[in-house]
Amino acid sequence: MEKVSWHVIPSLENLEVDWEYTPENPLGKRAWARLSNNDLYRLLDADYIPVRIVARTFSDKGYLLDISVKGLAVLVDKAMKVGVLLDVGFFLGRYKVTAKAVVKNSNCFENNYRVGIEFIALHKEHAAFINGINSSKIYGHKR
């Protein structure tokens, strides 16, 4: 039997696909997996995780709602302007995380504000630790 190359095989005329394939993304529209506060509280054996937020014109304290290696969501008392540069700091268990960040969104949420913050300078060690916690959630381990 003689081997045939794909280039020799003729295409089928009038062959059409009636659907467009798009792979499912388990994260929805998000590019990065996020850990919710409930997952963090369970993994770190904490009731809440305070977050210190410092900008040029104000400082505030909030509570962590979710986190990924790209950013976090924090519950605070006051709205924050989109684009404001921040320094954020918090503890994940005994591990201190600090980063430069920027406010991406701020929405009213049950008499408070849910502020989405994107890391713009997160140390590699901090990112690795956050990824490690995410792995702990996925594989069912407790730190």
N, C-alpha and C. Protein backbone atom coordinates (compact mmCIF):
# COMPACT_ATOMS: atom_id res chain seq x y z
N MET A 1 0.85 -1.18 0.00
CA MET A 1 0.00 0.00 0.00
C MET A 1 0.89 1.24 0.00
N GLU A 2 0.58 2.15 -0.85
CA GLU A 2 1.36 3.37 -1.01
C GLU A 2 0.82 4.45 -0.07
N LYS A 3 1.72 5.15 0.64
CA LYS A 3 1.30 6.23 1.54
C LYS A 3 0.86 7.43 0.73
N VAL A 4 -0.20 8.10 1.22
CA VAL A 4 -0.74 9.26 0.53
C VAL A 4 -0.58 10.48 1.42
N SER A 5 -0.17 11.58 0.86
CA SER A 5 -0.01 12.84 1.59
C SER A 5 -1.36 13.55 1.69
N TRP A 6 -1.54 14.33 2.75
CA TRP A 6 -2.78 15.11 2.91
C TRP A 6 -2.99 16.07 1.75
N HIS A 7 -1.90 16.53 1.18
CA HIS A 7 -1.99 17.49 0.08
C HIS A 7 -2.59 16.88 -1.18
N VAL A 8 -2.54 15.57 -1.29
CA VAL A 8 -3.05 14.89 -2.48
C VAL A 8 -4.55 14.62 -2.37
N ILE A 9 -5.05 14.52 -1.15
CA ILE A 9 -6.46 14.21 -0.93
C ILE A 9 -7.30 15.44 -1.30
N PRO A 10 -8.26 15.31 -2.18
CA PRO A 10 -9.07 16.47 -2.59
C PRO A 10 -10.04 16.88 -1.49
N SER A 11 -10.35 18.18 -1.43
CA SER A 11 -11.32 18.66 -0.45
C SER A 11 -12.73 18.34 -0.93
N LEU A 12 -13.65 18.26 0.02
CA LEU A 12 -15.05 17.98 -0.31
C LEU A 12 -15.74 19.29 -0.65
N GLU A 13 -16.38 19.32 -1.78
CA GLU A 13 -17.08 20.53 -2.20
C GLU A 13 -18.34 20.72 -1.36
N ASN A 14 -18.68 21.99 -1.11
CA ASN A 14 -19.89 22.37 -0.39
C ASN A 14 -19.95 21.83 1.04
N LEU A 15 -18.80 21.49 1.61
CA LEU A 15 -18.78 21.03 3.00
C LEU A 15 -18.76 22.26 3.90
N GLU A 16 -19.73 22.35 4.80
CA GLU A 16 -19.82 23.48 5.72
C GLU A 16 -20.06 22.97 7.12
N VAL A 17 -19.59 23.74 8.08
CA VAL A 17 -19.84 23.44 9.49
C VAL A 17 -20.91 24.41 9.95
N ASP A 18 -21.96 23.89 10.59
CA ASP A 18 -23.08 24.76 10.97
C ASP A 18 -22.94 25.36 12.37
N TRP A 19 -21.78 25.23 12.99
CA TRP A 19 -21.56 25.84 14.29
C TRP A 19 -20.11 26.27 14.40
N GLU A 20 -19.89 27.25 15.22
CA GLU A 20 -18.55 27.78 15.45
C GLU A 20 -18.06 27.22 16.78
N TYR A 21 -16.94 26.55 16.79
CA TYR A 21 -16.42 25.94 18.01
C TYR A 21 -15.75 26.99 18.88
N THR A 22 -16.17 27.05 20.12
CA THR A 22 -15.48 27.87 21.12
C THR A 22 -15.29 26.99 22.35
N PRO A 23 -14.07 26.83 22.81
CA PRO A 23 -13.83 25.98 23.97
C PRO A 23 -14.43 26.60 25.23
N GLU A 24 -14.88 25.75 26.13
CA GLU A 24 -15.44 26.23 27.39
C GLU A 24 -14.31 26.68 28.30
N ASN A 25 -14.52 27.80 28.96
CA ASN A 25 -13.57 28.30 29.94
C ASN A 25 -14.21 28.13 31.31
N PRO A 26 -13.66 27.28 32.17
CA PRO A 26 -14.26 27.08 33.48
C PRO A 26 -14.25 28.34 34.34
N LEU A 27 -13.48 29.34 33.96
CA LEU A 27 -13.41 30.59 34.72
C LEU A 27 -14.38 31.63 34.20
N GLY A 28 -15.20 31.28 33.21
CA GLY A 28 -16.09 32.26 32.60
C GLY A 28 -15.26 33.23 31.78
N LYS A 29 -15.45 34.52 32.00
CA LYS A 29 -14.70 35.52 31.25
C LYS A 29 -13.36 35.84 31.91
N ARG A 30 -13.13 35.33 33.10
CA ARG A 30 -11.89 35.63 33.81
C ARG A 30 -10.72 34.84 33.23
N ALA A 31 -9.56 35.46 33.27
CA ALA A 31 -8.35 34.79 32.79
C ALA A 31 -7.64 34.07 33.93
N TRP A 32 -7.93 34.44 35.18
CA TRP A 32 -7.22 33.88 36.32
C TRP A 32 -8.21 33.35 37.35
N ALA A 33 -7.88 32.24 37.96
CA ALA A 33 -8.72 31.67 39.02
C ALA A 33 -8.65 32.56 40.25
N ARG A 34 -9.80 32.77 40.85
CA ARG A 34 -9.86 33.57 42.07
C ARG A 34 -10.26 32.70 43.24
N LEU A 35 -9.74 33.05 44.40
CA LEU A 35 -10.13 32.40 45.64
C LEU A 35 -11.11 33.31 46.35
N SER A 36 -12.26 32.79 46.71
CA SER A 36 -13.25 33.60 47.44
C SER A 36 -12.84 33.71 48.90
N ASN A 37 -13.46 34.66 49.60
CA ASN A 37 -13.13 34.83 51.02
C ASN A 37 -13.47 33.57 51.81
N ASN A 38 -14.57 32.89 51.49
CA ASN A 38 -14.92 31.66 52.21
C ASN A 38 -13.85 30.59 52.05
N ASP A 39 -13.31 30.44 50.84
CA ASP A 39 -12.23 29.48 50.62
C ASP A 39 -10.99 29.88 51.43
N LEU A 40 -10.66 31.17 51.40
CA LEU A 40 -9.50 31.65 52.15
C LEU A 40 -9.68 31.44 53.64
N TYR A 41 -10.85 31.78 54.17
CA TYR A 41 -11.10 31.65 55.60
C TYR A 41 -10.94 30.19 56.03
N ARG A 42 -11.46 29.28 55.21
CA ARG A 42 -11.37 27.85 55.54
C ARG A 42 -9.92 27.38 55.47
N LEU A 43 -9.21 27.74 54.40
CA LEU A 43 -7.83 27.30 54.22
C LEU A 43 -6.88 27.90 55.25
N LEU A 44 -7.12 29.15 55.63
CA LEU A 44 -6.21 29.85 56.54
C LEU A 44 -6.72 29.87 57.97
N ASP A 45 -7.88 29.25 58.22
CA ASP A 45 -8.49 29.20 59.54
C ASP A 45 -8.64 30.61 60.13
N ALA A 46 -9.29 31.48 59.34
CA ALA A 46 -9.50 32.88 59.74
C ALA A 46 -10.97 33.24 59.62
N ASP A 47 -11.41 34.21 60.42
CA ASP A 47 -12.79 34.70 60.34
C ASP A 47 -12.93 35.81 59.30
N TYR A 48 -11.87 36.56 59.07
CA TYR A 48 -11.84 37.62 58.06
C TYR A 48 -10.37 37.96 57.80
N ILE A 49 -10.13 38.67 56.71
CA ILE A 49 -8.76 39.07 56.37
C ILE A 49 -8.75 40.57 56.10
N PRO A 50 -8.24 41.36 57.07
CA PRO A 50 -8.17 42.80 56.86
C PRO A 50 -7.12 43.17 55.81
N VAL A 51 -7.40 44.24 55.07
CA VAL A 51 -6.49 44.74 54.04
C VAL A 51 -6.24 46.22 54.30
N ARG A 52 -4.98 46.60 54.35
CA ARG A 52 -4.61 48.01 54.53
C ARG A 52 -4.40 48.61 53.14
N ILE A 53 -5.04 49.75 52.89
CA ILE A 53 -4.98 50.42 51.59
C ILE A 53 -4.45 51.84 51.81
N VAL A 54 -3.38 52.20 51.10
CA VAL A 54 -2.79 53.52 51.25
C VAL A 54 -2.61 54.14 49.87
N ALA A 55 -3.14 55.37 49.73
CA ALA A 55 -2.97 56.15 48.50
C ALA A 55 -2.31 57.47 48.89
N ARG A 56 -2.06 58.33 47.91
CA ARG A 56 -1.44 59.63 48.21
C ARG A 56 -2.31 60.49 49.11
N THR A 57 -3.63 60.43 48.90
CA THR A 57 -4.52 61.35 49.60
C THR A 57 -5.36 60.71 50.70
N PHE A 58 -5.25 59.40 50.88
CA PHE A 58 -6.05 58.75 51.92
C PHE A 58 -5.45 57.39 52.27
N SER A 59 -5.89 56.88 53.41
CA SER A 59 -5.61 55.49 53.75
C SER A 59 -6.90 54.91 54.31
N ASP A 60 -7.07 53.62 54.15
CA ASP A 60 -8.32 52.97 54.56
C ASP A 60 -8.02 51.53 54.92
N LYS A 61 -8.98 50.92 55.58
CA LYS A 61 -8.89 49.50 55.89
C LYS A 61 -10.13 48.84 55.32
N GLY A 62 -9.95 47.70 54.70
CA GLY A 62 -11.07 46.95 54.16
C GLY A 62 -10.91 45.48 54.50
N TYR A 63 -11.78 44.67 53.90
CA TYR A 63 -11.76 43.24 54.14
C TYR A 63 -11.73 42.50 52.81
N LEU A 64 -10.86 41.52 52.72
CA LEU A 64 -10.65 40.77 51.49
C LEU A 64 -11.90 39.98 51.11
N LEU A 65 -12.34 40.13 49.85
CA LEU A 65 -13.47 39.36 49.33
C LEU A 65 -13.01 38.23 48.43
N ASP A 66 -12.02 38.49 47.57
CA ASP A 66 -11.43 37.43 46.75
C ASP A 66 -10.06 37.89 46.27
N ILE A 67 -9.28 36.92 45.78
CA ILE A 67 -7.91 37.23 45.37
C ILE A 67 -7.46 36.29 44.26
N SER A 68 -6.60 36.82 43.39
CA SER A 68 -5.89 36.02 42.39
C SER A 68 -4.50 36.61 42.27
N VAL A 69 -3.66 36.03 41.43
CA VAL A 69 -2.32 36.58 41.26
C VAL A 69 -2.35 37.91 40.52
N LYS A 70 -3.47 38.26 39.93
CA LYS A 70 -3.60 39.52 39.19
C LYS A 70 -4.27 40.63 39.98
N GLY A 71 -4.97 40.30 41.07
CA GLY A 71 -5.63 41.34 41.83
C GLY A 71 -6.50 40.80 42.94
N LEU A 72 -7.26 41.70 43.56
CA LEU A 72 -8.12 41.32 44.66
C LEU A 72 -9.35 42.21 44.68
N ALA A 73 -10.35 41.77 45.41
CA ALA A 73 -11.54 42.57 45.67
C ALA A 73 -11.61 42.80 47.17
N VAL A 74 -11.92 44.03 47.54
CA VAL A 74 -11.93 44.43 48.94
C VAL A 74 -13.25 45.11 49.25
N LEU A 75 -13.79 44.87 50.43
CA LEU A 75 -14.98 45.55 50.91
C LEU A 75 -14.54 46.70 51.80
N VAL A 76 -14.93 47.94 51.43
CA VAL A 76 -14.54 49.15 52.17
C VAL A 76 -15.77 50.01 52.44
N ASP A 77 -15.60 51.03 53.31
CA ASP A 77 -16.71 51.91 53.68
C ASP A 77 -17.01 52.97 52.63
N LYS A 78 -15.99 53.40 51.87
CA LYS A 78 -16.16 54.50 50.92
C LYS A 78 -15.77 54.07 49.51
N ALA A 79 -16.39 54.71 48.53
CA ALA A 79 -16.04 54.45 47.13
C ALA A 79 -14.63 54.95 46.87
N MET A 80 -13.96 54.33 45.91
CA MET A 80 -12.63 54.77 45.49
C MET A 80 -12.68 55.06 44.00
N LYS A 81 -11.96 56.09 43.58
CA LYS A 81 -11.94 56.46 42.16
C LYS A 81 -11.13 55.46 41.35
N VAL A 82 -11.67 55.11 40.20
CA VAL A 82 -10.96 54.23 39.27
C VAL A 82 -9.67 54.92 38.82
N GLY A 83 -8.59 54.16 38.77
CA GLY A 83 -7.30 54.68 38.33
C GLY A 83 -6.38 55.15 39.44
N VAL A 84 -6.89 55.22 40.68
CA VAL A 84 -6.06 55.66 41.80
C VAL A 84 -4.99 54.61 42.09
N LEU A 85 -3.74 55.07 42.24
CA LEU A 85 -2.64 54.17 42.58
C LEU A 85 -2.61 53.93 44.08
N LEU A 86 -2.35 52.68 44.46
CA LEU A 86 -2.41 52.29 45.87
C LEU A 86 -1.21 51.44 46.26
N ASP A 87 -0.96 51.40 47.56
CA ASP A 87 -0.15 50.36 48.17
C ASP A 87 -1.13 49.54 48.99
N VAL A 88 -1.11 48.22 48.85
CA VAL A 88 -1.98 47.36 49.64
C VAL A 88 -1.12 46.40 50.44
N GLY A 89 -1.61 46.04 51.61
CA GLY A 89 -0.92 45.07 52.45
C GLY A 89 -1.91 44.27 53.25
N PHE A 90 -1.62 42.99 53.42
CA PHE A 90 -2.49 42.09 54.18
C PHE A 90 -1.73 40.83 54.51
N PHE A 91 -2.27 40.05 55.42
CA PHE A 91 -1.67 38.77 55.80
C PHE A 91 -2.55 37.64 55.31
N LEU A 92 -1.93 36.66 54.68
CA LEU A 92 -2.60 35.41 54.34
C LEU A 92 -2.02 34.38 55.31
N GLY A 93 -2.75 34.14 56.39
CA GLY A 93 -2.18 33.34 57.48
C GLY A 93 -1.09 34.17 58.13
N ARG A 94 0.11 33.63 58.20
CA ARG A 94 1.25 34.38 58.76
C ARG A 94 2.09 35.04 57.68
N TYR A 95 1.68 34.88 56.42
CA TYR A 95 2.46 35.38 55.29
C TYR A 95 2.00 36.79 54.93
N LYS A 96 2.93 37.75 55.02
CA LYS A 96 2.60 39.14 54.71
C LYS A 96 2.74 39.40 53.22
N VAL A 97 1.69 39.97 52.62
CA VAL A 97 1.69 40.30 51.19
C VAL A 97 1.57 41.82 51.06
N THR A 98 2.47 42.43 50.30
CA THR A 98 2.38 43.86 49.99
C THR A 98 2.54 44.02 48.48
N ALA A 99 1.89 45.04 47.93
CA ALA A 99 1.98 45.24 46.49
C ALA A 99 1.58 46.66 46.11
N LYS A 100 2.07 47.11 44.99
CA LYS A 100 1.57 48.32 44.33
C LYS A 100 0.37 47.88 43.51
N ALA A 101 -0.65 48.74 43.45
CA ALA A 101 -1.88 48.34 42.77
C ALA A 101 -2.61 49.56 42.23
N VAL A 102 -3.68 49.30 41.48
CA VAL A 102 -4.51 50.37 40.93
C VAL A 102 -5.97 49.96 41.05
N VAL A 103 -6.83 50.93 41.36
CA VAL A 103 -8.27 50.68 41.46
C VAL A 103 -8.83 50.49 40.05
N LYS A 104 -9.52 49.37 39.83
CA LYS A 104 -10.11 49.07 38.52
C LYS A 104 -11.61 49.34 38.50
N ASN A 105 -12.29 49.14 39.63
CA ASN A 105 -13.72 49.42 39.71
C ASN A 105 -14.13 49.58 41.16
N SER A 106 -15.26 50.25 41.37
CA SER A 106 -15.78 50.48 42.71
C SER A 106 -17.30 50.51 42.61
N ASN A 107 -17.96 49.57 43.28
CA ASN A 107 -19.42 49.44 43.18
C ASN A 107 -20.05 49.35 44.55
N CYS A 108 -21.21 49.97 44.69
CA CYS A 108 -21.96 49.90 45.94
C CYS A 108 -22.36 48.45 46.19
N PHE A 109 -22.18 47.99 47.43
CA PHE A 109 -22.44 46.60 47.79
C PHE A 109 -22.89 46.54 49.23
N GLU A 110 -24.20 46.39 49.45
CA GLU A 110 -24.77 46.25 50.81
C GLU A 110 -24.26 47.32 51.78
N ASN A 111 -24.52 48.59 51.52
CA ASN A 111 -24.13 49.72 52.37
C ASN A 111 -22.62 49.96 52.44
N ASN A 112 -21.84 49.22 51.67
CA ASN A 112 -20.39 49.41 51.58
C ASN A 112 -20.02 49.47 50.11
N TYR A 113 -18.74 49.35 49.82
CA TYR A 113 -18.28 49.35 48.43
C TYR A 113 -17.36 48.17 48.19
N ARG A 114 -17.62 47.52 47.09
CA ARG A 114 -16.75 46.43 46.63
C ARG A 114 -15.79 47.06 45.62
N VAL A 115 -14.50 47.04 45.95
CA VAL A 115 -13.49 47.68 45.11
C VAL A 115 -12.60 46.61 44.48
N GLY A 116 -12.54 46.62 43.16
CA GLY A 116 -11.66 45.71 42.43
C GLY A 116 -10.32 46.38 42.23
N ILE A 117 -9.27 45.69 42.65
CA ILE A 117 -7.92 46.25 42.63
C ILE A 117 -7.01 45.32 41.84
N GLU A 118 -6.26 45.90 40.90
CA GLU A 118 -5.32 45.11 40.09
C GLU A 118 -3.90 45.34 40.58
N PHE A 119 -3.17 44.25 40.80
CA PHE A 119 -1.76 44.38 41.17
C PHE A 119 -0.98 44.90 39.97
N ILE A 120 -0.12 45.90 40.21
CA ILE A 120 0.78 46.35 39.14
C ILE A 120 2.23 46.02 39.48
N ALA A 121 2.48 45.70 40.73
CA ALA A 121 3.81 45.26 41.14
C ALA A 121 3.64 44.31 42.33
N LEU A 122 3.56 43.02 42.03
CA LEU A 122 3.44 41.98 43.06
C LEU A 122 4.71 41.15 43.00
N HIS A 123 5.39 41.02 44.14
CA HIS A 123 6.62 40.22 44.18
C HIS A 123 6.34 38.79 43.73
N LYS A 124 7.31 38.20 43.06
CA LYS A 124 7.16 36.82 42.57
C LYS A 124 6.86 35.85 43.71
N GLU A 125 7.48 36.08 44.87
CA GLU A 125 7.25 35.20 46.02
C GLU A 125 5.80 35.28 46.48
N HIS A 126 5.24 36.50 46.47
CA HIS A 126 3.84 36.68 46.88
C HIS A 126 2.91 35.99 45.89
N ALA A 127 3.19 36.15 44.59
CA ALA A 127 2.37 35.50 43.56
C ALA A 127 2.44 33.98 43.72
N ALA A 128 3.63 33.45 44.00
CA ALA A 128 3.78 32.01 44.18
C ALA A 128 2.99 31.54 45.40
N PHE A 129 2.98 32.33 46.46
CA PHE A 129 2.22 31.96 47.66
C PHE A 129 0.72 31.93 47.36
N ILE A 130 0.23 32.95 46.66
CA ILE A 130 -1.19 33.00 46.29
C ILE A 130 -1.55 31.81 45.41
N ASN A 131 -0.70 31.49 44.45
CA ASN A 131 -0.92 30.30 43.61
C ASN A 131 -0.92 29.03 44.45
N GLY A 132 -0.06 28.98 45.45
CA GLY A 132 -0.01 27.81 46.33
C GLY A 132 -1.30 27.63 47.11
N ILE A 133 -1.87 28.74 47.58
CA ILE A 133 -3.15 28.65 48.29
C ILE A 133 -4.24 28.17 47.34
N ASN A 134 -4.22 28.67 46.12
CA ASN A 134 -5.20 28.23 45.12
C ASN A 134 -5.06 26.73 44.86
N SER A 135 -3.83 26.24 44.78
CA SER A 135 -3.60 24.80 44.61
C SER A 135 -4.12 24.03 45.80
N SER A 136 -3.95 24.59 47.00
CA SER A 136 -4.47 23.93 48.20
C SER A 136 -5.97 23.77 48.13
N LYS A 137 -6.65 24.78 47.60
CA LYS A 137 -8.10 24.70 47.44
C LYS A 137 -8.46 23.61 46.44
N ILE A 138 -7.78 23.62 45.30
CA ILE A 138 -8.08 22.66 44.24
C ILE A 138 -7.86 21.23 44.71
N TYR A 139 -6.76 21.00 45.42
CA TYR A 139 -6.41 19.64 45.83
C TYR A 139 -6.88 19.29 47.23
N GLY A 140 -7.62 20.19 47.87
CA GLY A 140 -8.25 19.88 49.15
C GLY A 140 -7.32 19.85 50.34
N HIS A 141 -6.17 20.52 50.26
CA HIS A 141 -5.24 20.56 51.38
C HIS A 141 -5.49 21.80 52.21
N LYS A 142 -5.07 21.73 53.45
CA LYS A 142 -5.14 22.89 54.32
C LYS A 142 -3.73 23.29 54.67
N ARG A 143 -3.44 24.58 54.56
CA ARG A 143 -2.08 25.07 54.85
C ARG A 143 -1.83 25.03 56.32
